[in-house]
Amino acid sequence: MPADPQRAPEADPSRERRIIAERLSDALGEPVEVVSHAAPGPDRVSGLAVCSGRLLSYVIDAQARTLRTRNLLELTRRSRQAV
């Protein structure tokens, strides 16, 4: 079946995660792994990410050109000991 030229191509979730991770990494100055993301509006993306011992939530607003993050969980020290 030929593709419908009027229909937008499907978004690639892995590409979206890479783009979001790059934006977060640039803002935070360290590597970020995106855990989840959703688009609650046409110019807004929100979700969860892991970054250097932290679990954080983020909201990227393209129209306002803002990025907000909030720490949800932060590991303060290592507690694993060798057995």
N, C-alpha and C. Protein backbone atom coordinates (compact mmCIF):
# COMPACT_ATOMS: atom_id res chain seq x y z
N MET A 1 0.85 -1.17 0.00
CA MET A 1 0.00 0.00 0.00
C MET A 1 0.90 1.24 0.00
N PRO A 2 0.71 2.18 -0.94
CA PRO A 2 1.56 3.38 -1.00
C PRO A 2 1.27 4.31 0.18
N ALA A 3 2.29 5.06 0.58
CA ALA A 3 2.15 6.00 1.69
C ALA A 3 1.27 7.18 1.28
N ASP A 4 0.48 7.67 2.20
CA ASP A 4 -0.38 8.83 1.97
C ASP A 4 0.47 10.09 2.07
N PRO A 5 0.61 10.88 0.99
CA PRO A 5 1.46 12.07 1.02
C PRO A 5 0.92 13.16 1.95
N GLN A 6 -0.36 13.13 2.29
CA GLN A 6 -0.95 14.13 3.17
C GLN A 6 -0.68 13.85 4.64
N ARG A 7 -0.31 12.60 4.95
CA ARG A 7 -0.11 12.20 6.33
C ARG A 7 1.34 12.40 6.75
N ALA A 8 1.54 12.94 7.93
CA ALA A 8 2.90 13.16 8.45
C ALA A 8 3.53 11.81 8.77
N PRO A 9 4.84 11.68 8.56
CA PRO A 9 5.51 10.42 8.90
C PRO A 9 5.49 10.18 10.40
N GLU A 10 5.50 8.90 10.78
CA GLU A 10 5.50 8.53 12.19
C GLU A 10 6.79 9.01 12.84
N ALA A 11 6.68 9.49 14.06
CA ALA A 11 7.85 9.94 14.80
C ALA A 11 8.65 8.73 15.27
N ASP A 12 9.96 8.87 15.28
CA ASP A 12 10.85 7.81 15.74
C ASP A 12 11.13 8.04 17.23
N PRO A 13 10.59 7.19 18.12
CA PRO A 13 10.76 7.40 19.56
C PRO A 13 12.22 7.45 20.01
N SER A 14 13.08 6.64 19.42
CA SER A 14 14.48 6.65 19.84
C SER A 14 15.16 7.96 19.43
N ARG A 15 14.78 8.51 18.30
CA ARG A 15 15.32 9.79 17.86
C ARG A 15 14.84 10.91 18.79
N GLU A 16 13.56 10.88 19.16
CA GLU A 16 13.02 11.87 20.08
C GLU A 16 13.76 11.83 21.42
N ARG A 17 14.00 10.61 21.92
CA ARG A 17 14.73 10.48 23.19
C ARG A 17 16.14 11.04 23.09
N ARG A 18 16.81 10.78 21.96
CA ARG A 18 18.17 11.31 21.77
C ARG A 18 18.17 12.84 21.77
N ILE A 19 17.21 13.44 21.08
CA ILE A 19 17.13 14.90 21.01
C ILE A 19 16.87 15.49 22.39
N ILE A 20 15.94 14.89 23.13
CA ILE A 20 15.64 15.36 24.48
C ILE A 20 16.86 15.20 25.38
N ALA A 21 17.52 14.05 25.31
CA ALA A 21 18.71 13.81 26.13
C ALA A 21 19.81 14.82 25.83
N GLU A 22 20.00 15.15 24.56
CA GLU A 22 21.01 16.15 24.19
C GLU A 22 20.67 17.52 24.78
N ARG A 23 19.41 17.90 24.69
CA ARG A 23 18.98 19.19 25.23
C ARG A 23 19.19 19.23 26.75
N LEU A 24 18.81 18.16 27.44
CA LEU A 24 19.00 18.11 28.89
C LEU A 24 20.48 18.08 29.25
N SER A 25 21.28 17.32 28.52
CA SER A 25 22.73 17.24 28.77
C SER A 25 23.39 18.60 28.60
N ASP A 26 22.99 19.32 27.56
CA ASP A 26 23.55 20.66 27.34
C ASP A 26 23.22 21.58 28.51
N ALA A 27 21.99 21.50 29.00
CA ALA A 27 21.57 22.38 30.09
C ALA A 27 22.18 21.98 31.43
N LEU A 28 22.33 20.69 31.68
CA LEU A 28 22.82 20.21 32.98
C LEU A 28 24.33 20.02 33.02
N GLY A 29 24.95 19.93 31.87
CA GLY A 29 26.40 19.79 31.81
C GLY A 29 26.92 18.39 32.10
N GLU A 30 26.05 17.39 32.02
CA GLU A 30 26.46 16.00 32.22
C GLU A 30 25.54 15.07 31.44
N PRO A 31 25.98 13.83 31.18
CA PRO A 31 25.16 12.89 30.40
C PRO A 31 23.81 12.61 31.07
N VAL A 32 22.80 12.46 30.24
CA VAL A 32 21.43 12.22 30.70
C VAL A 32 20.84 11.06 29.91
N GLU A 33 20.08 10.21 30.60
CA GLU A 33 19.35 9.12 29.95
C GLU A 33 17.86 9.39 30.15
N VAL A 34 17.11 9.53 29.06
CA VAL A 34 15.68 9.78 29.14
C VAL A 34 14.96 8.47 29.45
N VAL A 35 14.14 8.47 30.51
CA VAL A 35 13.39 7.29 30.92
C VAL A 35 12.03 7.29 30.24
N SER A 36 11.36 8.44 30.22
CA SER A 36 10.06 8.55 29.58
C SER A 36 9.85 9.97 29.07
N HIS A 37 8.94 10.08 28.10
CA HIS A 37 8.56 11.41 27.62
C HIS A 37 7.15 11.36 27.05
N ALA A 38 6.48 12.50 27.15
CA ALA A 38 5.13 12.64 26.62
C ALA A 38 4.97 14.07 26.13
N ALA A 39 4.07 14.27 25.21
CA ALA A 39 3.81 15.60 24.67
C ALA A 39 2.40 16.03 25.06
N PRO A 40 2.26 16.70 26.23
CA PRO A 40 0.93 17.12 26.67
C PRO A 40 0.35 18.26 25.84
N GLY A 41 1.16 18.90 25.03
CA GLY A 41 0.71 19.98 24.17
C GLY A 41 1.57 20.04 22.93
N PRO A 42 1.19 20.84 21.94
CA PRO A 42 1.95 20.87 20.69
C PRO A 42 3.38 21.40 20.82
N ASP A 43 3.62 22.27 21.79
CA ASP A 43 4.96 22.86 21.96
C ASP A 43 5.60 22.49 23.28
N ARG A 44 5.13 21.39 23.89
CA ARG A 44 5.61 21.04 25.23
C ARG A 44 5.90 19.54 25.32
N VAL A 45 7.03 19.21 25.97
CA VAL A 45 7.41 17.82 26.21
C VAL A 45 7.77 17.70 27.69
N SER A 46 7.30 16.63 28.32
CA SER A 46 7.64 16.42 29.72
C SER A 46 7.96 14.95 29.93
N GLY A 47 8.65 14.66 31.04
CA GLY A 47 8.98 13.27 31.31
C GLY A 47 9.95 13.11 32.46
N LEU A 48 10.58 11.94 32.49
CA LEU A 48 11.55 11.58 33.53
C LEU A 48 12.90 11.28 32.89
N ALA A 49 13.96 11.59 33.61
CA ALA A 49 15.31 11.31 33.13
C ALA A 49 16.21 10.96 34.31
N VAL A 50 17.30 10.25 34.02
CA VAL A 50 18.29 9.88 35.02
C VAL A 50 19.59 10.60 34.65
N CYS A 51 20.20 11.19 35.68
CA CYS A 51 21.40 11.97 35.45
C CYS A 51 22.28 11.93 36.68
N SER A 52 23.43 11.28 36.61
CA SER A 52 24.44 11.29 37.66
C SER A 52 23.87 11.06 39.06
N GLY A 53 23.20 9.92 39.26
CA GLY A 53 22.68 9.58 40.57
C GLY A 53 21.39 10.29 40.94
N ARG A 54 20.75 10.90 39.97
CA ARG A 54 19.50 11.62 40.23
C ARG A 54 18.41 11.14 39.28
N LEU A 55 17.19 11.11 39.79
CA LEU A 55 16.01 10.93 38.96
C LEU A 55 15.33 12.28 38.94
N LEU A 56 15.10 12.81 37.76
CA LEU A 56 14.50 14.14 37.68
C LEU A 56 13.35 14.17 36.70
N SER A 57 12.45 15.10 36.94
CA SER A 57 11.37 15.35 35.99
C SER A 57 11.77 16.59 35.19
N TYR A 58 11.28 16.67 33.98
CA TYR A 58 11.61 17.82 33.14
C TYR A 58 10.38 18.25 32.34
N VAL A 59 10.37 19.53 31.99
CA VAL A 59 9.36 20.09 31.09
C VAL A 59 10.10 21.02 30.14
N ILE A 60 9.99 20.73 28.85
CA ILE A 60 10.58 21.58 27.82
C ILE A 60 9.43 22.28 27.10
N ASP A 61 9.45 23.60 27.13
CA ASP A 61 8.42 24.39 26.45
C ASP A 61 9.08 25.11 25.29
N ALA A 62 8.83 24.64 24.07
CA ALA A 62 9.48 25.19 22.88
C ALA A 62 9.03 26.61 22.59
N GLN A 63 7.76 26.91 22.82
CA GLN A 63 7.25 28.24 22.53
C GLN A 63 7.87 29.28 23.45
N ALA A 64 7.95 28.98 24.74
CA ALA A 64 8.54 29.90 25.70
C ALA A 64 10.06 29.77 25.76
N ARG A 65 10.59 28.74 25.10
CA ARG A 65 12.03 28.46 25.11
C ARG A 65 12.57 28.27 26.52
N THR A 66 11.86 27.45 27.29
CA THR A 66 12.27 27.20 28.67
C THR A 66 12.45 25.70 28.91
N LEU A 67 13.28 25.40 29.88
CA LEU A 67 13.50 24.04 30.35
C LEU A 67 13.45 24.09 31.87
N ARG A 68 12.55 23.30 32.45
CA ARG A 68 12.46 23.22 33.91
C ARG A 68 12.75 21.80 34.32
N THR A 69 13.56 21.66 35.38
CA THR A 69 13.83 20.34 35.93
C THR A 69 13.57 20.37 37.43
N ARG A 70 13.28 19.19 37.96
CA ARG A 70 13.05 19.05 39.40
C ARG A 70 13.58 17.70 39.84
N ASN A 71 14.44 17.71 40.85
CA ASN A 71 14.95 16.45 41.40
C ASN A 71 13.83 15.71 42.12
N LEU A 72 13.64 14.44 41.77
CA LEU A 72 12.66 13.60 42.45
C LEU A 72 13.34 12.67 43.43
N LEU A 73 14.57 12.26 43.09
CA LEU A 73 15.33 11.35 43.94
C LEU A 73 16.81 11.61 43.68
N GLU A 74 17.58 11.68 44.76
CA GLU A 74 19.02 11.89 44.60
C GLU A 74 19.77 10.97 45.55
N LEU A 75 20.71 10.21 44.99
CA LEU A 75 21.56 9.35 45.81
C LEU A 75 22.68 10.22 46.38
N THR A 76 22.82 10.19 47.69
CA THR A 76 23.80 11.07 48.32
C THR A 76 25.13 10.39 48.61
N ARG A 77 25.10 9.05 48.74
CA ARG A 77 26.35 8.32 48.96
C ARG A 77 26.17 6.89 48.51
N ARG A 78 27.27 6.24 48.32
CA ARG A 78 27.24 4.82 47.94
C ARG A 78 27.14 3.98 49.20
N SER A 79 26.25 3.01 49.20
CA SER A 79 26.09 2.19 50.38
C SER A 79 26.37 0.71 50.10
N ARG A 80 26.71 0.38 48.88
CA ARG A 80 26.99 -1.01 48.54
C ARG A 80 28.37 -1.40 49.04
N GLN A 81 28.44 -2.51 49.73
CA GLN A 81 29.71 -3.01 50.24
C GLN A 81 29.98 -4.38 49.65
N ALA A 82 31.24 -4.67 49.43
CA ALA A 82 31.62 -5.98 48.90
C ALA A 82 31.34 -7.06 49.95
N VAL A 83 30.89 -8.20 49.50
CA VAL A 83 30.58 -9.31 50.42
C VAL A 83 31.70 -10.30 50.43
